[in-house]
Amino acid sequence: MMRCSGGAEIYAIVESGGKQFKVEPRQTLDVDLLDAPNGETVELDRVLLVSDGETTHVGSPMIEGAKVVTTSMGLIKGKKIVVFRYRNKTRYRKKTGHRTQYTRLVVDRVVMPGE
């Protein structure tokens, strides 16, 4: 966790792709595929909660002015899922696979509302 000048921990809860993530500076996080090439800055502005250890802001549902600044590390692929279809007594077998694509983000900083 990142320590502020007063020794406080800063973190935020953001929404991306219909999922919620607790993020802190210098954390890596894998979100659903975004159109962001490697090295591009991505701002996550759907912030639900932000805290710096002393004050906590809770949105209803979002916090105006708060955002999380991240850097895209490019595309990664998830674990392979094997799909196997089989029907007995008919010699029917079909094997396919799937790998979900994610975008890996590194959190640079959490911007509090009003900054």
PDB file of N, CA and C in Angstrom:
ATOM      1  N   MET A   1       0.832  -1.181   0.000  1.00  0.00           N
ATOM      2  CA  MET A   1       0.000   0.000   0.000  1.00  0.00           C
ATOM      3  C   MET A   1       0.873   1.240   0.000  1.00  0.00           C
ATOM      4  N   MET A   2       0.395   2.262  -0.659  1.00  0.00           N
ATOM      5  CA  MET A   2       1.140   3.507  -0.703  1.00  0.00           C
ATOM      6  C   MET A   2       0.855   4.314   0.554  1.00  0.00           C
ATOM      7  N   ARG A   3       1.901   4.835   1.162  1.00  0.00           N
ATOM      8  CA  ARG A   3       1.759   5.657   2.350  1.00  0.00           C
ATOM      9  C   ARG A   3       1.785   7.123   1.949  1.00  0.00           C
ATOM     10  N   CYS A   4       0.813   7.895   2.450  1.00  0.00           N
ATOM     11  CA  CYS A   4       0.816   9.336   2.238  1.00  0.00           C
ATOM     12  C   CYS A   4       1.745   9.967   3.268  1.00  0.00           C
ATOM     13  N   SER A   5       1.811  11.289   3.283  1.00  0.00           N
ATOM     14  CA  SER A   5       2.729  11.971   4.182  1.00  0.00           C
ATOM     15  C   SER A   5       2.421  11.674   5.646  1.00  0.00           C
ATOM     16  N   GLY A   6       1.171  11.434   5.995  1.00  0.00           N
ATOM     17  CA  GLY A   6       0.801  11.160   7.371  1.00  0.00           C
ATOM     18  C   GLY A   6       0.852   9.689   7.718  1.00  0.00           C
ATOM     19  N   GLY A   7       1.388   8.836   6.854  1.00  0.00           N
ATOM     20  CA  GLY A   7       1.447   7.416   7.122  1.00  0.00           C
ATOM     21  C   GLY A   7       0.146   6.702   6.798  1.00  0.00           C
ATOM     22  N   ALA A   8      -0.749   7.357   6.071  1.00  0.00           N
ATOM     23  CA  ALA A   8      -2.050   6.782   5.765  1.00  0.00           C
ATOM     24  C   ALA A   8      -1.963   5.925   4.504  1.00  0.00           C
ATOM     25  N   GLU A   9      -2.894   5.009   4.374  1.00  0.00           N
ATOM     26  CA  GLU A   9      -2.959   4.146   3.209  1.00  0.00           C
ATOM     27  C   GLU A   9      -4.037   4.682   2.277  1.00  0.00           C
ATOM     28  N   ILE A  10      -3.717   4.803   1.000  1.00  0.00           N
ATOM     29  CA  ILE A  10      -4.689   5.297   0.033  1.00  0.00           C
ATOM     30  C   ILE A  10      -5.106   4.146  -0.870  1.00  0.00           C
ATOM     31  N   TYR A  11      -6.412   4.026  -1.059  1.00  0.00           N
ATOM     32  CA  TYR A  11      -6.940   2.998  -1.933  1.00  0.00           C
ATOM     33  C   TYR A  11      -8.277   3.465  -2.489  1.00  0.00           C
ATOM     34  N   ALA A  12      -8.753   2.760  -3.507  1.00  0.00           N
ATOM     35  CA  ALA A  12     -10.035   3.085  -4.131  1.00  0.00           C
ATOM     36  C   ALA A  12     -10.696   1.794  -4.586  1.00  0.00           C
ATOM     37  N   ILE A  13     -12.004   1.855  -4.720  1.00  0.00           N
ATOM     38  CA  ILE A  13     -12.755   0.760  -5.314  1.00  0.00           C
ATOM     39  C   ILE A  13     -13.333   1.288  -6.619  1.00  0.00           C
ATOM     40  N   VAL A  14     -12.950   0.652  -7.738  1.00  0.00           N
ATOM     41  CA  VAL A  14     -13.375   1.100  -9.057  1.00  0.00           C
ATOM     42  C   VAL A  14     -14.167  -0.002  -9.737  1.00  0.00           C
ATOM     43  N   GLU A  15     -14.936   0.410 -10.741  1.00  0.00           N
ATOM     44  CA  GLU A  15     -15.719  -0.537 -11.532  1.00  0.00           C
ATOM     45  C   GLU A  15     -15.204  -0.516 -12.961  1.00  0.00           C
ATOM     46  N   SER A  16     -14.974  -1.702 -13.505  1.00  0.00           N
ATOM     47  CA  SER A  16     -14.537  -1.822 -14.894  1.00  0.00           C
ATOM     48  C   SER A  16     -15.064  -3.139 -15.440  1.00  0.00           C
ATOM     49  N   GLY A  17     -15.775  -3.065 -16.524  1.00  0.00           N
ATOM     50  CA  GLY A  17     -16.307  -4.271 -17.145  1.00  0.00           C
ATOM     51  C   GLY A  17     -17.361  -4.967 -16.306  1.00  0.00           C
ATOM     52  N   GLY A  18     -18.091  -4.218 -15.478  1.00  0.00           N
ATOM     53  CA  GLY A  18     -19.119  -4.804 -14.648  1.00  0.00           C
ATOM     54  C   GLY A  18     -18.596  -5.477 -13.393  1.00  0.00           C
ATOM     55  N   LYS A  19     -17.297  -5.353 -13.137  1.00  0.00           N
ATOM     56  CA  LYS A  19     -16.688  -5.935 -11.940  1.00  0.00           C
ATOM     57  C   LYS A  19     -16.074  -4.827 -11.092  1.00  0.00           C
ATOM     58  N   GLN A  20     -15.976  -5.067  -9.801  1.00  0.00           N
ATOM     59  CA  GLN A  20     -15.404  -4.088  -8.890  1.00  0.00           C
ATOM     60  C   GLN A  20     -14.036  -4.574  -8.414  1.00  0.00           C
ATOM     61  N   PHE A  21     -13.090  -3.619  -8.330  1.00  0.00           N
ATOM     62  CA  PHE A  21     -11.725  -3.932  -7.930  1.00  0.00           C
ATOM     63  C   PHE A  21     -11.270  -2.953  -6.856  1.00  0.00           C
ATOM     64  N   LYS A  22     -10.594  -3.464  -5.831  1.00  0.00           N
ATOM     65  CA  LYS A  22      -9.934  -2.599  -4.859  1.00  0.00           C
ATOM     66  C   LYS A  22      -8.518  -2.377  -5.373  1.00  0.00           C
ATOM     67  N   VAL A  23      -8.141  -1.113  -5.586  1.00  0.00           N
ATOM     68  CA  VAL A  23      -6.846  -0.804  -6.186  1.00  0.00           C
ATOM     69  C   VAL A  23      -6.047   0.115  -5.272  1.00  0.00           C
ATOM     70  N   GLU A  24      -4.738  -0.041  -5.343  1.00  0.00           N
ATOM     71  CA  GLU A  24      -3.771   0.772  -4.629  1.00  0.00           C
ATOM     72  C   GLU A  24      -2.667   1.139  -5.606  1.00  0.00           C
ATOM     73  N   PRO A  25      -1.933   2.210  -5.363  1.00  0.00           N
ATOM     74  CA  PRO A  25      -0.823   2.556  -6.253  1.00  0.00           C
ATOM     75  C   PRO A  25       0.203   1.430  -6.349  1.00  0.00           C
ATOM     76  N   ARG A  26       0.787   1.295  -7.543  1.00  0.00           N
ATOM     77  CA  ARG A  26       1.788   0.283  -7.905  1.00  0.00           C
ATOM     78  C   ARG A  26       1.243  -1.132  -7.940  1.00  0.00           C
ATOM     79  N   GLN A  27      -0.071  -1.290  -7.987  1.00  0.00           N
ATOM     80  CA  GLN A  27      -0.702  -2.613  -8.063  1.00  0.00           C
ATOM     81  C   GLN A  27      -0.989  -2.938  -9.527  1.00  0.00           C
ATOM     82  N   THR A  28      -0.847  -4.209  -9.901  1.00  0.00           N
ATOM     83  CA  THR A  28      -1.250  -4.628 -11.237  1.00  0.00           C
ATOM     84  C   THR A  28      -2.635  -5.248 -11.145  1.00  0.00           C
ATOM     85  N   LEU A  29      -3.405  -5.043 -12.211  1.00  0.00           N
ATOM     86  CA  LEU A  29      -4.760  -5.560 -12.200  1.00  0.00           C
ATOM     87  C   LEU A  29      -5.157  -5.934 -13.611  1.00  0.00           C
ATOM     88  N   ASP A  30      -5.875  -7.046 -13.747  1.00  0.00           N
ATOM     89  CA  ASP A  30      -6.324  -7.551 -15.036  1.00  0.00           C
ATOM     90  C   ASP A  30      -7.817  -7.290 -15.168  1.00  0.00           C
ATOM     91  N   VAL A  31      -8.181  -6.479 -16.172  1.00  0.00           N
ATOM     92  CA  VAL A  31      -9.584  -6.140 -16.415  1.00  0.00           C
ATOM     93  C   VAL A  31      -9.987  -6.695 -17.777  1.00  0.00           C
ATOM     94  N   ASP A  32     -11.291  -6.712 -18.044  1.00  0.00           N
ATOM     95  CA  ASP A  32     -11.770  -7.148 -19.349  1.00  0.00           C
ATOM     96  C   ASP A  32     -11.130  -6.307 -20.439  1.00  0.00           C
ATOM     97  N   LEU A  33     -11.044  -6.853 -21.626  1.00  0.00           N
ATOM     98  CA  LEU A  33     -10.307  -6.263 -22.726  1.00  0.00           C
ATOM     99  C   LEU A  33     -10.727  -4.818 -22.997  1.00  0.00           C
ATOM    100  N   LEU A  34      -9.742  -3.911 -22.960  1.00  0.00           N
ATOM    101  CA  LEU A  34      -9.930  -2.501 -23.297  1.00  0.00           C
ATOM    102  C   LEU A  34      -9.146  -2.195 -24.558  1.00  0.00           C
ATOM    103  N   ASP A  35      -9.557  -1.161 -25.259  1.00  0.00           N
ATOM    104  CA  ASP A  35      -8.852  -0.740 -26.464  1.00  0.00           C
ATOM    105  C   ASP A  35      -7.740   0.222 -26.057  1.00  0.00           C
ATOM    106  N   ALA A  36      -6.697  -0.310 -25.432  1.00  0.00           N
ATOM    107  CA  ALA A  36      -5.580   0.495 -24.952  1.00  0.00           C
ATOM    108  C   ALA A  36      -4.274  -0.225 -25.280  1.00  0.00           C
ATOM    109  N   PRO A  37      -3.471   0.319 -26.211  1.00  0.00           N
ATOM    110  CA  PRO A  37      -2.203  -0.325 -26.536  1.00  0.00           C
ATOM    111  C   PRO A  37      -1.207  -0.238 -25.370  1.00  0.00           C
ATOM    112  N   ASN A  38      -0.131  -0.985 -25.500  1.00  0.00           N
ATOM    113  CA  ASN A  38       0.889  -1.036 -24.469  1.00  0.00           C
ATOM    114  C   ASN A  38       1.488   0.345 -24.220  1.00  0.00           C
ATOM    115  N   GLY A  39       1.545   0.770 -22.954  1.00  0.00           N
ATOM    116  CA  GLY A  39       2.138   2.058 -22.588  1.00  0.00           C
ATOM    117  C   GLY A  39       1.172   3.219 -22.541  1.00  0.00           C
ATOM    118  N   GLU A  40      -0.057   3.028 -22.969  1.00  0.00           N
ATOM    119  CA  GLU A  40      -1.030   4.125 -22.983  1.00  0.00           C
ATOM    120  C   GLU A  40      -1.619   4.345 -21.587  1.00  0.00           C
ATOM    121  N   THR A  41      -1.906   5.607 -21.258  1.00  0.00           N
ATOM    122  CA  THR A  41      -2.515   5.944 -19.979  1.00  0.00           C
ATOM    123  C   THR A  41      -4.017   5.742 -20.061  1.00  0.00           C
ATOM    124  N   VAL A  42      -4.568   5.050 -19.059  1.00  0.00           N
ATOM    125  CA  VAL A  42      -6.001   4.775 -18.990  1.00  0.00           C
ATOM    126  C   VAL A  42      -6.516   5.346 -17.674  1.00  0.00           C
ATOM    127  N   GLU A  43      -7.594   6.142 -17.761  1.00  0.00           N
ATOM    128  CA  GLU A  43      -8.195   6.701 -16.565  1.00  0.00           C
ATOM    129  C   GLU A  43      -9.494   5.961 -16.266  1.00  0.00           C
ATOM    130  N   LEU A  44      -9.573   5.388 -15.077  1.00  0.00           N
ATOM    131  CA  LEU A  44     -10.790   4.718 -14.628  1.00  0.00           C
ATOM    132  C   LEU A  44     -11.562   5.729 -13.786  1.00  0.00           C
ATOM    133  N   ASP A  45     -12.675   6.228 -14.325  1.00  0.00           N
ATOM    134  CA  ASP A  45     -13.408   7.293 -13.633  1.00  0.00           C
ATOM    135  C   ASP A  45     -14.663   6.796 -12.921  1.00  0.00           C
ATOM    136  N   ARG A  46     -14.935   5.510 -12.993  1.00  0.00           N
ATOM    137  CA  ARG A  46     -16.090   4.954 -12.270  1.00  0.00           C
ATOM    138  C   ARG A  46     -15.622   4.517 -10.880  1.00  0.00           C
ATOM    139  N   VAL A  47     -15.385   5.503 -10.024  1.00  0.00           N
ATOM    140  CA  VAL A  47     -14.864   5.267  -8.677  1.00  0.00           C
ATOM    141  C   VAL A  47     -16.040   5.214  -7.711  1.00  0.00           C
ATOM    142  N   LEU A  48     -16.147   4.119  -6.961  1.00  0.00           N
ATOM    143  CA  LEU A  48     -17.240   3.929  -6.016  1.00  0.00           C
ATOM    144  C   LEU A  48     -16.871   4.370  -4.607  1.00  0.00           C
ATOM    145  N   LEU A  49     -15.600   4.222  -4.233  1.00  0.00           N
ATOM    146  CA  LEU A  49     -15.137   4.585  -2.906  1.00  0.00           C
ATOM    147  C   LEU A  49     -13.673   4.963  -3.005  1.00  0.00           C
ATOM    148  N   VAL A  50     -13.258   5.962  -2.228  1.00  0.00           N
ATOM    149  CA  VAL A  50     -11.850   6.335  -2.170  1.00  0.00           C
ATOM    150  C   VAL A  50     -11.532   6.716  -0.727  1.00  0.00           C
ATOM    151  N   SER A  51     -10.368   6.252  -0.248  1.00  0.00           N
ATOM    152  CA  SER A  51      -9.978   6.506   1.130  1.00  0.00           C
ATOM    153  C   SER A  51      -8.487   6.773   1.182  1.00  0.00           C
ATOM    154  N   ASP A  52      -8.090   7.741   2.029  1.00  0.00           N
ATOM    155  CA  ASP A  52      -6.665   8.015   2.228  1.00  0.00           C
ATOM    156  C   ASP A  52      -6.233   7.718   3.660  1.00  0.00           C
ATOM    157  N   GLY A  53      -7.031   6.976   4.399  1.00  0.00           N
ATOM    158  CA  GLY A  53      -6.690   6.630   5.767  1.00  0.00           C
ATOM    159  C   GLY A  53      -7.320   7.560   6.788  1.00  0.00           C
ATOM    160  N   GLU A  54      -7.475   8.830   6.421  1.00  0.00           N
ATOM    161  CA  GLU A  54      -8.087   9.802   7.319  1.00  0.00           C
ATOM    162  C   GLU A  54      -9.537  10.074   6.920  1.00  0.00           C
ATOM    163  N   THR A  55      -9.758  10.265   5.634  1.00  0.00           N
ATOM    164  CA  THR A  55     -11.114  10.532   5.139  1.00  0.00           C
ATOM    165  C   THR A  55     -11.501   9.458   4.139  1.00  0.00           C
ATOM    166  N   THR A  56     -12.768   9.135   4.129  1.00  0.00           N
ATOM    167  CA  THR A  56     -13.310   8.167   3.194  1.00  0.00           C
ATOM    168  C   THR A  56     -14.486   8.805   2.476  1.00  0.00           C
ATOM    169  N   HIS A  57     -14.462   8.753   1.143  1.00  0.00           N
ATOM    170  CA  HIS A  57     -15.556   9.267   0.325  1.00  0.00           C
ATOM    171  C   HIS A  57     -16.285   8.084  -0.290  1.00  0.00           C
ATOM    172  N   VAL A  58     -17.590   8.024  -0.073  1.00  0.00           N
ATOM    173  CA  VAL A  58     -18.416   6.959  -0.627  1.00  0.00           C
ATOM    174  C   VAL A  58     -19.365   7.595  -1.622  1.00  0.00           C
ATOM    175  N   GLY A  59     -19.414   7.059  -2.824  1.00  0.00           N
ATOM    176  CA  GLY A  59     -20.278   7.604  -3.867  1.00  0.00           C
ATOM    177  C   GLY A  59     -21.674   7.043  -3.803  1.00  0.00           C
ATOM    178  N   SER A  60     -22.562   7.747  -4.503  1.00  0.00           N
ATOM    179  CA  SER A  60     -23.937   7.251  -4.589  1.00  0.00           C
ATOM    180  C   SER A  60     -24.436   7.380  -6.027  1.00  0.00           C
ATOM    181  N   PRO A  61     -24.089   6.545  -6.965  1.00  0.00           N
ATOM    182  CA  PRO A  61     -23.156   5.431  -6.837  1.00  0.00           C
ATOM    183  C   PRO A  61     -21.708   5.803  -7.135  1.00  0.00           C
ATOM    184  N   MET A  62     -21.445   6.880  -7.887  1.00  0.00           N
ATOM    185  CA  MET A  62     -20.080   7.242  -8.258  1.00  0.00           C
ATOM    186  C   MET A  62     -19.651   8.506  -7.519  1.00  0.00           C
ATOM    187  N   ILE A  63     -18.333   8.703  -7.425  1.00  0.00           N
ATOM    188  CA  ILE A  63     -17.778   9.906  -6.814  1.00  0.00           C
ATOM    189  C   ILE A  63     -17.362  10.843  -7.938  1.00  0.00           C
ATOM    190  N   GLU A  64     -17.921  12.049  -7.936  1.00  0.00           N
ATOM    191  CA  GLU A  64     -17.581  13.047  -8.955  1.00  0.00           C
ATOM    192  C   GLU A  64     -16.176  13.589  -8.679  1.00  0.00           C
ATOM    193  N   GLY A  65     -15.346  13.627  -9.710  1.00  0.00           N
ATOM    194  CA  GLY A  65     -14.012  14.198  -9.593  1.00  0.00           C
ATOM    195  C   GLY A  65     -12.928  13.214  -9.183  1.00  0.00           C
ATOM    196  N   ALA A  66     -13.285  12.040  -8.741  1.00  0.00           N
ATOM    197  CA  ALA A  66     -12.279  11.041  -8.367  1.00  0.00           C
ATOM    198  C   ALA A  66     -11.988  10.150  -9.569  1.00  0.00           C
ATOM    199  N   LYS A  67     -10.726   9.722  -9.684  1.00  0.00           N
ATOM    200  CA  LYS A  67     -10.357   8.813 -10.768  1.00  0.00           C
ATOM    201  C   LYS A  67      -9.094   8.066 -10.381  1.00  0.00           C
ATOM    202  N   VAL A  68      -8.849   6.994 -11.097  1.00  0.00           N
ATOM    203  CA  VAL A  68      -7.646   6.190 -10.904  1.00  0.00           C
ATOM    204  C   VAL A  68      -6.882   6.220 -12.218  1.00  0.00           C
ATOM    205  N   VAL A  69      -5.635   6.681 -12.169  1.00  0.00           N
ATOM    206  CA  VAL A  69      -4.799   6.795 -13.362  1.00  0.00           C
ATOM    207  C   VAL A  69      -3.938   5.540 -13.449  1.00  0.00           C
ATOM    208  N   THR A  70      -4.039   4.835 -14.576  1.00  0.00           N
ATOM    209  CA  THR A  70      -3.304   3.585 -14.776  1.00  0.00           C
ATOM    210  C   THR A  70      -2.543   3.627 -16.089  1.00  0.00           C
ATOM    211  N   THR A  71      -1.601   2.717 -16.238  1.00  0.00           N
ATOM    212  CA  THR A  71      -0.849   2.544 -17.475  1.00  0.00           C
ATOM    213  C   THR A  71      -1.096   1.136 -17.993  1.00  0.00           C
ATOM    214  N   SER A  72      -1.426   1.035 -19.269  1.00  0.00           N
ATOM    215  CA  SER A  72      -1.697  -0.260 -19.881  1.00  0.00           C
ATOM    216  C   SER A  72      -0.390  -1.000 -20.137  1.00  0.00           C
ATOM    217  N   MET A  73      -0.365  -2.276 -19.770  1.00  0.00           N
ATOM    218  CA  MET A  73       0.786  -3.127 -20.039  1.00  0.00           C
ATOM    219  C   MET A  73       0.505  -4.074 -21.199  1.00  0.00           C
ATOM    220  N   GLY A  74      -0.619  -3.858 -21.881  1.00  0.00           N
ATOM    221  CA  GLY A  74      -0.930  -4.647 -23.056  1.00  0.00           C
ATOM    222  C   GLY A  74      -1.891  -5.789 -22.784  1.00  0.00           C
ATOM    223  N   LEU A  75      -2.052  -6.599 -23.801  1.00  0.00           N
ATOM    224  CA  LEU A  75      -2.999  -7.711 -23.797  1.00  0.00           C
ATOM    225  C   LEU A  75      -2.372  -8.941 -23.151  1.00  0.00           C
ATOM    226  N   ILE A  76      -3.150  -9.643 -22.335  1.00  0.00           N
ATOM    227  CA  ILE A  76      -2.740 -10.946 -21.828  1.00  0.00           C
ATOM    228  C   ILE A  76      -3.910 -11.901 -22.023  1.00  0.00           C
ATOM    229  N   LYS A  77      -3.609 -13.180 -21.983  1.00  0.00           N
ATOM    230  CA  LYS A  77      -4.649 -14.189 -22.144  1.00  0.00           C
ATOM    231  C   LYS A  77      -4.821 -14.951 -20.844  1.00  0.00           C
ATOM    232  N   GLY A  78      -6.062 -15.280 -20.550  1.00  0.00           N
ATOM    233  CA  GLY A  78      -6.375 -16.020 -19.334  1.00  0.00           C
ATOM    234  C   GLY A  78      -6.103 -17.500 -19.494  1.00  0.00           C
ATOM    235  N   LYS A  79      -6.494 -18.242 -18.493  1.00  0.00           N
ATOM    236  CA  LYS A  79      -6.318 -19.685 -18.487  1.00  0.00           C
ATOM    237  C   LYS A  79      -7.191 -20.325 -19.558  1.00  0.00           C
ATOM    238  N   LYS A  80      -6.694 -21.383 -20.168  1.00  0.00           N
ATOM    239  CA  LYS A  80      -7.432 -22.048 -21.229  1.00  0.00           C
ATOM    240  C   LYS A  80      -8.581 -22.869 -20.657  1.00  0.00           C
ATOM    241  N   ILE A  81      -9.733 -22.734 -21.294  1.00  0.00           N
ATOM    242  CA  ILE A  81     -10.915 -23.503 -20.929  1.00  0.00           C
ATOM    243  C   ILE A  81     -11.173 -24.498 -22.047  1.00  0.00           C
ATOM    244  N   VAL A  82     -11.284 -25.780 -21.696  1.00  0.00           N
ATOM    245  CA  VAL A  82     -11.526 -26.831 -22.683  1.00  0.00           C
ATOM    246  C   VAL A  82     -13.009 -27.174 -22.675  1.00  0.00           C
ATOM    247  N   VAL A  83     -13.609 -27.147 -23.872  1.00  0.00           N
ATOM    248  CA  VAL A  83     -15.013 -27.510 -24.029  1.00  0.00           C
ATOM    249  C   VAL A  83     -15.048 -28.809 -24.831  1.00  0.00           C
ATOM    250  N   PHE A  84     -15.637 -29.839 -24.249  1.00  0.00           N
ATOM    251  CA  PHE A  84     -15.682 -31.141 -24.911  1.00  0.00           C
ATOM    252  C   PHE A  84     -17.134 -31.599 -24.977  1.00  0.00           C
ATOM    253  N   ARG A  85     -17.619 -31.813 -26.208  1.00  0.00           N
ATOM    254  CA  ARG A  85     -18.984 -32.296 -26.404  1.00  0.00           C
ATOM    255  C   ARG A  85     -18.918 -33.756 -26.838  1.00  0.00           C
ATOM    256  N   TYR A  86     -19.794 -34.557 -26.274  1.00  0.00           N
ATOM    257  CA  TYR A  86     -19.752 -35.986 -26.529  1.00  0.00           C
ATOM    258  C   TYR A  86     -21.167 -36.536 -26.491  1.00  0.00           C
ATOM    259  N   ARG A  87     -21.472 -37.379 -27.461  1.00  0.00           N
ATOM    260  CA  ARG A  87     -22.742 -38.106 -27.444  1.00  0.00           C
ATOM    261  C   ARG A  87     -22.430 -39.584 -27.567  1.00  0.00           C
ATOM    262  N   ASN A  88     -22.953 -40.334 -26.623  1.00  0.00           N
ATOM    263  CA  ASN A  88     -22.621 -41.751 -26.626  1.00  0.00           C
ATOM    264  C   ASN A  88     -23.349 -42.491 -27.755  1.00  0.00           C
ATOM    265  N   LYS A  89     -22.752 -43.548 -28.196  1.00  0.00           N
ATOM    266  CA  LYS A  89     -23.291 -44.468 -29.206  1.00  0.00           C
ATOM    267  C   LYS A  89     -23.451 -43.859 -30.597  1.00  0.00           C
ATOM    268  N   THR A  90     -22.920 -42.669 -30.825  1.00  0.00           N
ATOM    269  CA  THR A  90     -23.057 -42.049 -32.149  1.00  0.00           C
ATOM    270  C   THR A  90     -21.716 -41.615 -32.738  1.00  0.00           C
ATOM    271  N   ARG A  91     -20.624 -41.857 -32.040  1.00  0.00           N
ATOM    272  CA  ARG A  91     -19.280 -41.469 -32.478  1.00  0.00           C
ATOM    273  C   ARG A  91     -19.149 -39.962 -32.663  1.00  0.00           C
ATOM    274  N   TYR A  92     -19.848 -39.196 -31.841  1.00  0.00           N
ATOM    275  CA  TYR A  92     -19.778 -37.733 -31.925  1.00  0.00           C
ATOM    276  C   TYR A  92     -18.900 -37.209 -30.802  1.00  0.00           C
ATOM    277  N   ARG A  93     -17.783 -36.580 -31.192  1.00  0.00           N
ATOM    278  CA  ARG A  93     -16.875 -35.948 -30.228  1.00  0.00           C
ATOM    279  C   ARG A  93     -16.405 -34.636 -30.831  1.00  0.00           C
ATOM    280  N   LYS A  94     -16.473 -33.597 -30.053  1.00  0.00           N
ATOM    281  CA  LYS A  94     -16.001 -32.299 -30.526  1.00  0.00           C
ATOM    282  C   LYS A  94     -15.277 -31.610 -29.389  1.00  0.00           C
ATOM    283  N   LYS A  95     -14.019 -31.249 -29.616  1.00  0.00           N
ATOM    284  CA  LYS A  95     -13.213 -30.606 -28.588  1.00  0.00           C
ATOM    285  C   LYS A  95     -12.819 -29.215 -29.086  1.00  0.00           C
ATOM    286  N   THR A  96     -13.162 -28.208 -28.310  1.00  0.00           N
ATOM    287  CA  THR A  96     -12.772 -26.833 -28.620  1.00  0.00           C
ATOM    288  C   THR A  96     -12.214 -26.209 -27.349  1.00  0.00           C
ATOM    289  N   GLY A  97     -11.598 -25.051 -27.494  1.00  0.00           N
ATOM    290  CA  GLY A  97     -11.029 -24.353 -26.351  1.00  0.00           C
ATOM    291  C   GLY A  97     -11.258 -22.862 -26.467  1.00  0.00           C
ATOM    292  N   HIS A  98     -11.011 -22.189 -25.359  1.00  0.00           N
ATOM    293  CA  HIS A  98     -11.199 -20.742 -25.335  1.00  0.00           C
ATOM    294  C   HIS A  98     -10.257 -20.136 -24.309  1.00  0.00           C
ATOM    295  N   ARG A  99      -9.681 -18.975 -24.649  1.00  0.00           N
ATOM    296  CA  ARG A  99      -8.863 -18.211 -23.715  1.00  0.00           C
ATOM    297  C   ARG A  99      -9.372 -16.778 -23.707  1.00  0.00           C
ATOM    298  N   THR A 100      -9.854 -16.321 -22.564  1.00  0.00           N
ATOM    299  CA  THR A 100     -10.369 -14.960 -22.444  1.00  0.00           C
ATOM    300  C   THR A 100      -9.218 -13.972 -22.484  1.00  0.00           C
ATOM    301  N   GLN A 101      -9.426 -12.851 -23.172  1.00  0.00           N
ATOM    302  CA  GLN A 101      -8.406 -11.821 -23.283  1.00  0.00           C
ATOM    303  C   GLN A 101      -8.655 -10.724 -22.252  1.00  0.00           C
ATOM    304  N   TYR A 102      -7.571 -10.306 -21.601  1.00  0.00           N
ATOM    305  CA  TYR A 102      -7.620  -9.265 -20.588  1.00  0.00           C
ATOM    306  C   TYR A 102      -6.625  -8.163 -20.929  1.00  0.00           C
ATOM    307  N   THR A 103      -6.804  -7.008 -20.325  1.00  0.00           N
ATOM    308  CA  THR A 103      -5.831  -5.933 -20.399  1.00  0.00           C
ATOM    309  C   THR A 103      -5.202  -5.802 -19.024  1.00  0.00           C
ATOM    310  N   ARG A 104      -3.880  -5.846 -18.962  1.00  0.00           N
ATOM    311  CA  ARG A 104      -3.182  -5.693 -17.683  1.00  0.00           C
ATOM    312  C   ARG A 104      -2.878  -4.215 -17.464  1.00  0.00           C
ATOM    313  N   LEU A 105      -3.286  -3.704 -16.303  1.00  0.00           N
ATOM    314  CA  LEU A 105      -3.091  -2.307 -15.945  1.00  0.00           C
ATOM    315  C   LEU A 105      -2.223  -2.212 -14.701  1.00  0.00           C
ATOM    316  N   VAL A 106      -1.373  -1.187 -14.652  1.00  0.00           N
ATOM    317  CA  VAL A 106      -0.593  -0.868 -13.466  1.00  0.00           C
ATOM    318  C   VAL A 106      -1.107   0.461 -12.942  1.00  0.00           C
ATOM    319  N   VAL A 107      -1.517   0.483 -11.670  1.00  0.00           N
ATOM    320  CA  VAL A 107      -2.089   1.690 -11.077  1.00  0.00           C
ATOM    321  C   VAL A 107      -0.963   2.663 -10.765  1.00  0.00           C
ATOM    322  N   ASP A 108      -1.041   3.876 -11.353  1.00  0.00           N
ATOM    323  CA  ASP A 108      -0.043   4.908 -11.095  1.00  0.00           C
ATOM    324  C   ASP A 108      -0.398   5.725  -9.857  1.00  0.00           C
ATOM    325  N   ARG A 109      -1.652   6.216  -9.820  1.00  0.00           N
ATOM    326  CA  ARG A 109      -2.061   7.012  -8.665  1.00  0.00           C
ATOM    327  C   ARG A 109      -3.572   7.047  -8.559  1.00  0.00           C
ATOM    328  N   VAL A 110      -4.032   7.341  -7.347  1.00  0.00           N
ATOM    329  CA  VAL A 110      -5.449   7.510  -7.068  1.00  0.00           C
ATOM    330  C   VAL A 110      -5.690   8.985  -6.837  1.00  0.00           C
ATOM    331  N   VAL A 111      -6.591   9.573  -7.624  1.00  0.00           N
ATOM    332  CA  VAL A 111      -6.882  11.008  -7.526  1.00  0.00           C
ATOM    333  C   VAL A 111      -8.125  11.191  -6.676  1.00  0.00           C
ATOM    334  N   MET A 112      -7.980  11.905  -5.562  1.00  0.00           N
ATOM    335  CA  MET A 112      -9.102  12.197  -4.683  1.00  0.00           C
ATOM    336  C   MET A 112      -9.979  13.269  -5.328  1.00  0.00           C
ATOM    337  N   PRO A 113     -11.279  13.365  -4.961  1.00  0.00           N
ATOM    338  CA  PRO A 113     -12.119  14.419  -5.515  1.00  0.00           C
ATOM    339  C   PRO A 113     -11.627  15.781  -5.044  1.00  0.00           C
ATOM    340  N   GLY A 114     -11.575  16.727  -5.973  1.00  0.00           N
ATOM    341  CA  GLY A 114     -11.117  18.074  -5.665  1.00  0.00           C
ATOM    342  C   GLY A 114      -9.648  18.311  -5.945  1.00  0.00           C
ATOM    343  N   GLU A 115      -8.901  17.278  -6.347  1.00  0.00           N
ATOM    344  CA  GLU A 115      -7.477  17.475  -6.661  1.00  0.00           C
ATOM    345  C   GLU A 115      -7.304  17.970  -8.078  1.00  0.00           C
TER     346      GLU A 115
END
